[in-house]
Amino acid sequence: MKTVDLYTDGACSGNPGVGGYCAILIYNGVEKVISGREEMTTNNRMELLAVIKGLEALKEKCNVNVYSDSQYVVDAFNQNWISSWGANGWKTAGKKDVKNPDLWQKLLELTLIHSVTFIKVKGHADNEYNNRCDKIAVEEYKKTI
């Protein structure tokens, strides 16, 4: 099975507001950039959408290393919150509705197709690909302002 690196980031002007996302897939030294925007969204939705769009671009089952600066996205899987949320009818441990259940459910479906590892990177630091994703995501939301 192929191993793909997927770098992602989301950005939002206002929260909610105009948002952008970016995913950079890397396989065998070849990069594919996917980006887009939404008119009225949140930063967390853009973070989630970046991962979803990256995974949706894969044409076959892969091992995927997802690099994200979103603690929320990474911890949802690495701390197994996603399983608890699903088992509790998309409610948090505090019995509140999980935000963005549509995107969480889609992302969960994609992680069942691929073997996905979530890796936290520090945002706006020294990770070249995370910085590129951030720049592209910001450029996307600025297109609509």
C-alpha atoms as a PDB file:
ATOM      1  CA  MET A   1       0.000   0.000   0.000  1.00  0.00           C
ATOM      2  CA  LYS A   2       1.247   3.483  -0.869  1.00  0.00           C
ATOM      3  CA  THR A   3       2.173   5.897   1.901  1.00  0.00           C
ATOM      4  CA  VAL A   4       1.084   9.492   1.347  1.00  0.00           C
ATOM      5  CA  ASP A   5       1.872  12.577   3.429  1.00  0.00           C
ATOM      6  CA  LEU A   6      -1.040  14.993   3.720  1.00  0.00           C
ATOM      7  CA  TYR A   7      -0.463  18.490   5.091  1.00  0.00           C
ATOM      8  CA  THR A   8      -3.572  20.521   5.850  1.00  0.00           C
ATOM      9  CA  ASP A   9      -4.677  23.874   7.180  1.00  0.00           C
ATOM     10  CA  GLY A  10      -7.778  25.978   7.392  1.00  0.00           C
ATOM     11  CA  ALA A  11      -8.185  29.711   7.873  1.00  0.00           C
ATOM     12  CA  CYS A  12     -11.069  32.034   8.532  1.00  0.00           C
ATOM     13  CA  SER A  13     -11.559  35.809   8.447  1.00  0.00           C
ATOM     14  CA  GLY A  14     -13.895  36.254  11.367  1.00  0.00           C
ATOM     15  CA  ASN A  15     -15.284  33.224  13.108  1.00  0.00           C
ATOM     16  CA  PRO A  16     -17.768  32.740  11.552  1.00  0.00           C
ATOM     17  CA  GLY A  17     -16.777  34.429   8.350  1.00  0.00           C
ATOM     18  CA  VAL A  18     -15.187  33.783   4.979  1.00  0.00           C
ATOM     19  CA  GLY A  19     -12.872  30.782   5.125  1.00  0.00           C
ATOM     20  CA  GLY A  20     -10.296  28.924   3.096  1.00  0.00           C
ATOM     21  CA  TYR A  21      -8.628  25.539   3.262  1.00  0.00           C
ATOM     22  CA  CYS A  22      -5.619  23.846   1.741  1.00  0.00           C
ATOM     23  CA  ALA A  23      -4.358  20.279   1.504  1.00  0.00           C
ATOM     24  CA  ILE A  24      -1.003  19.275   0.068  1.00  0.00           C
ATOM     25  CA  LEU A  25      -0.604  15.607  -0.797  1.00  0.00           C
ATOM     26  CA  ILE A  26       2.903  14.252  -1.287  1.00  0.00           C
ATOM     27  CA  TYR A  27       3.698  10.859  -2.746  1.00  0.00           C
ATOM     28  CA  ASN A  28       7.031   9.779  -4.130  1.00  0.00           C
ATOM     29  CA  GLY A  29       8.243  13.380  -4.334  1.00  0.00           C
ATOM     30  CA  VAL A  30       5.188  14.545  -6.289  1.00  0.00           C
ATOM     31  CA  GLU A  31       2.914  17.194  -4.770  1.00  0.00           C
ATOM     32  CA  LYS A  32      -0.762  17.865  -5.386  1.00  0.00           C
ATOM     33  CA  VAL A  33      -2.340  21.017  -3.939  1.00  0.00           C
ATOM     34  CA  ILE A  34      -6.068  21.203  -3.271  1.00  0.00           C
ATOM     35  CA  SER A  35      -7.678  24.377  -1.987  1.00  0.00           C
ATOM     36  CA  GLY A  36     -10.990  26.151  -1.797  1.00  0.00           C
ATOM     37  CA  ARG A  37     -13.152  28.516   0.172  1.00  0.00           C
ATOM     38  CA  GLU A  38     -16.572  28.977   1.734  1.00  0.00           C
ATOM     39  CA  GLU A  39     -18.449  32.226   2.200  1.00  0.00           C
ATOM     40  CA  MET A  40     -19.756  31.686   5.746  1.00  0.00           C
ATOM     41  CA  THR A  41     -17.898  29.192   7.873  1.00  0.00           C
ATOM     42  CA  THR A  42     -15.638  28.708  10.890  1.00  0.00           C
ATOM     43  CA  ASN A  43     -11.967  27.951  11.318  1.00  0.00           C
ATOM     44  CA  ASN A  44     -12.719  24.462  12.648  1.00  0.00           C
ATOM     45  CA  ARG A  45     -14.874  23.669   9.604  1.00  0.00           C
ATOM     46  CA  MET A  46     -12.023  24.730   7.332  1.00  0.00           C
ATOM     47  CA  GLU A  47      -9.523  22.595   9.277  1.00  0.00           C
ATOM     48  CA  LEU A  48     -11.817  19.594   8.893  1.00  0.00           C
ATOM     49  CA  LEU A  49     -12.598  20.283   5.250  1.00  0.00           C
ATOM     50  CA  ALA A  50      -8.889  20.461   4.399  1.00  0.00           C
ATOM     51  CA  VAL A  51      -8.367  16.910   5.696  1.00  0.00           C
ATOM     52  CA  ILE A  52     -11.533  15.647   3.996  1.00  0.00           C
ATOM     53  CA  LYS A  53     -10.632  17.141   0.615  1.00  0.00           C
ATOM     54  CA  GLY A  54      -7.124  15.696   0.845  1.00  0.00           C
ATOM     55  CA  LEU A  55      -8.367  12.201   1.653  1.00  0.00           C
ATOM     56  CA  GLU A  56     -11.086  12.393  -1.017  1.00  0.00           C
ATOM     57  CA  ALA A  57      -8.420  13.088  -3.643  1.00  0.00           C
ATOM     58  CA  LEU A  58      -6.836   9.668  -3.110  1.00  0.00           C
ATOM     59  CA  LYS A  59      -7.790   7.206  -5.832  1.00  0.00           C
ATOM     60  CA  GLU A  60      -6.906   4.047  -3.907  1.00  0.00           C
ATOM     61  CA  LYS A  61      -6.534   2.850  -0.335  1.00  0.00           C
ATOM     62  CA  CYS A  62      -3.370   4.341   1.195  1.00  0.00           C
ATOM     63  CA  ASN A  63      -1.446   4.748   4.397  1.00  0.00           C
ATOM     64  CA  VAL A  64      -1.816   8.457   5.091  1.00  0.00           C
ATOM     65  CA  ASN A  65       0.144  10.610   7.510  1.00  0.00           C
ATOM     66  CA  VAL A  66      -2.020  13.677   8.149  1.00  0.00           C
ATOM     67  CA  TYR A  67      -0.042  16.659   9.440  1.00  0.00           C
ATOM     68  CA  SER A  68      -2.267  19.317  10.980  1.00  0.00           C
ATOM     69  CA  ASP A  69      -1.787  22.270  13.309  1.00  0.00           C
ATOM     70  CA  SER A  70      -5.348  21.771  14.575  1.00  0.00           C
ATOM     71  CA  GLN A  71      -5.213  20.233  18.035  1.00  0.00           C
ATOM     72  CA  TYR A  72      -8.983  19.758  17.731  1.00  0.00           C
ATOM     73  CA  VAL A  73      -8.710  17.558  14.623  1.00  0.00           C
ATOM     74  CA  VAL A  74      -5.664  15.612  15.809  1.00  0.00           C
ATOM     75  CA  ASP A  75      -7.000  14.961  19.318  1.00  0.00           C
ATOM     76  CA  ALA A  76     -10.404  13.887  18.023  1.00  0.00           C
ATOM     77  CA  PHE A  77      -8.673  10.835  16.589  1.00  0.00           C
ATOM     78  CA  ASN A  78      -5.586  10.392  18.776  1.00  0.00           C
ATOM     79  CA  GLN A  79      -7.597  10.787  22.003  1.00  0.00           C
ATOM     80  CA  ASN A  80     -10.437   8.721  20.486  1.00  0.00           C
ATOM     81  CA  TRP A  81     -13.046  11.436  21.032  1.00  0.00           C
ATOM     82  CA  ILE A  82     -14.554  10.605  17.637  1.00  0.00           C
ATOM     83  CA  SER A  83     -15.581   7.116  18.749  1.00  0.00           C
ATOM     84  CA  SER A  84     -17.154   8.438  21.931  1.00  0.00           C
ATOM     85  CA  TRP A  85     -19.004  11.151  20.042  1.00  0.00           C
ATOM     86  CA  GLY A  86     -20.429   8.653  17.571  1.00  0.00           C
ATOM     87  CA  ALA A  87     -21.415   6.207  20.286  1.00  0.00           C
ATOM     88  CA  ASN A  88     -23.136   9.033  22.196  1.00  0.00           C
ATOM     89  CA  GLY A  89     -25.231  10.199  19.233  1.00  0.00           C
ATOM     90  CA  TRP A  90     -22.766  12.979  18.339  1.00  0.00           C
ATOM     91  CA  LYS A  91     -22.812  14.404  21.845  1.00  0.00           C
ATOM     92  CA  THR A  92     -19.740  15.440  23.834  1.00  0.00           C
ATOM     93  CA  ALA A  93     -18.892  13.949  27.218  1.00  0.00           C
ATOM     94  CA  GLY A  94     -20.709  16.986  28.638  1.00  0.00           C
ATOM     95  CA  LYS A  95     -23.854  15.992  26.671  1.00  0.00           C
ATOM     96  CA  LYS A  96     -23.598  18.973  24.309  1.00  0.00           C
ATOM     97  CA  ASP A  97     -24.017  18.612  20.556  1.00  0.00           C
ATOM     98  CA  VAL A  98     -20.736  18.027  18.728  1.00  0.00           C
ATOM     99  CA  LYS A  99     -20.153  20.912  16.337  1.00  0.00           C
ATOM    100  CA  ASN A 100     -19.809  20.084  12.630  1.00  0.00           C
ATOM    101  CA  PRO A 101     -21.159  16.516  12.855  1.00  0.00           C
ATOM    102  CA  ASP A 102     -21.586  16.395   9.067  1.00  0.00           C
ATOM    103  CA  LEU A 103     -17.860  16.906   8.549  1.00  0.00           C
ATOM    104  CA  TRP A 104     -16.825  14.627  11.408  1.00  0.00           C
ATOM    105  CA  GLN A 105     -18.981  11.831   9.993  1.00  0.00           C
ATOM    106  CA  LYS A 106     -17.513  12.299   6.513  1.00  0.00           C
ATOM    107  CA  LEU A 107     -13.981  12.342   7.895  1.00  0.00           C
ATOM    108  CA  LEU A 108     -14.666   9.231   9.945  1.00  0.00           C
ATOM    109  CA  GLU A 109     -15.902   7.432   6.804  1.00  0.00           C
ATOM    110  CA  LEU A 110     -12.686   8.360   4.993  1.00  0.00           C
ATOM    111  CA  THR A 111     -10.517   7.095   7.858  1.00  0.00           C
ATOM    112  CA  LEU A 112     -12.234   3.730   7.504  1.00  0.00           C
ATOM    113  CA  ILE A 113     -11.134   3.548   3.855  1.00  0.00           C
ATOM    114  CA  HIS A 114      -7.532   4.580   4.440  1.00  0.00           C
ATOM    115  CA  SER A 115      -5.083   3.807   7.223  1.00  0.00           C
ATOM    116  CA  VAL A 116      -4.701   7.294   8.690  1.00  0.00           C
ATOM    117  CA  THR A 117      -2.251   8.584  11.301  1.00  0.00           C
ATOM    118  CA  PHE A 118      -2.821  12.088  12.665  1.00  0.00           C
ATOM    119  CA  ILE A 119       0.290  14.086  13.564  1.00  0.00           C
ATOM    120  CA  LYS A 120       0.209  17.469  15.293  1.00  0.00           C
ATOM    121  CA  VAL A 121       2.545  20.139  13.940  1.00  0.00           C
ATOM    122  CA  LYS A 122       3.107  23.570  15.394  1.00  0.00           C
ATOM    123  CA  GLY A 123       1.278  26.196  13.350  1.00  0.00           C
ATOM    124  CA  HIS A 124       3.065  29.248  11.970  1.00  0.00           C
ATOM    125  CA  ALA A 125       6.438  27.766  12.891  1.00  0.00           C
ATOM    126  CA  ASP A 126       9.132  25.948  10.953  1.00  0.00           C
ATOM    127  CA  ASN A 127       7.096  23.348   9.057  1.00  0.00           C
ATOM    128  CA  GLU A 128       7.414  24.312   5.385  1.00  0.00           C
ATOM    129  CA  TYR A 129       4.292  22.500   4.230  1.00  0.00           C
ATOM    130  CA  ASN A 130       2.106  23.725   7.080  1.00  0.00           C
ATOM    131  CA  ASN A 131       3.221  27.276   6.317  1.00  0.00           C
ATOM    132  CA  ARG A 132       2.403  26.796   2.627  1.00  0.00           C
ATOM    133  CA  CYS A 133      -1.018  25.404   3.490  1.00  0.00           C
ATOM    134  CA  ASP A 134      -1.702  28.374   5.751  1.00  0.00           C
ATOM    135  CA  LYS A 135      -0.649  30.848   3.065  1.00  0.00           C
ATOM    136  CA  ILE A 136      -2.822  29.189   0.414  1.00  0.00           C
ATOM    137  CA  ALA A 137      -5.830  28.909   2.771  1.00  0.00           C
ATOM    138  CA  VAL A 138      -5.562  32.629   3.575  1.00  0.00           C
ATOM    139  CA  GLU A 139      -5.233  33.458  -0.137  1.00  0.00           C
ATOM    140  CA  GLU A 140      -8.426  31.467  -0.756  1.00  0.00           C
ATOM    141  CA  TYR A 141     -10.533  33.395   1.732  1.00  0.00           C
ATOM    142  CA  LYS A 142      -9.095  36.711   0.591  1.00  0.00           C
ATOM    143  CA  LYS A 143     -10.376  36.012  -2.930  1.00  0.00           C
ATOM    144  CA  THR A 144     -13.886  36.651  -1.656  1.00  0.00           C
ATOM    145  CA  ILE A 145     -13.270  39.740   0.452  1.00  0.00           C
END
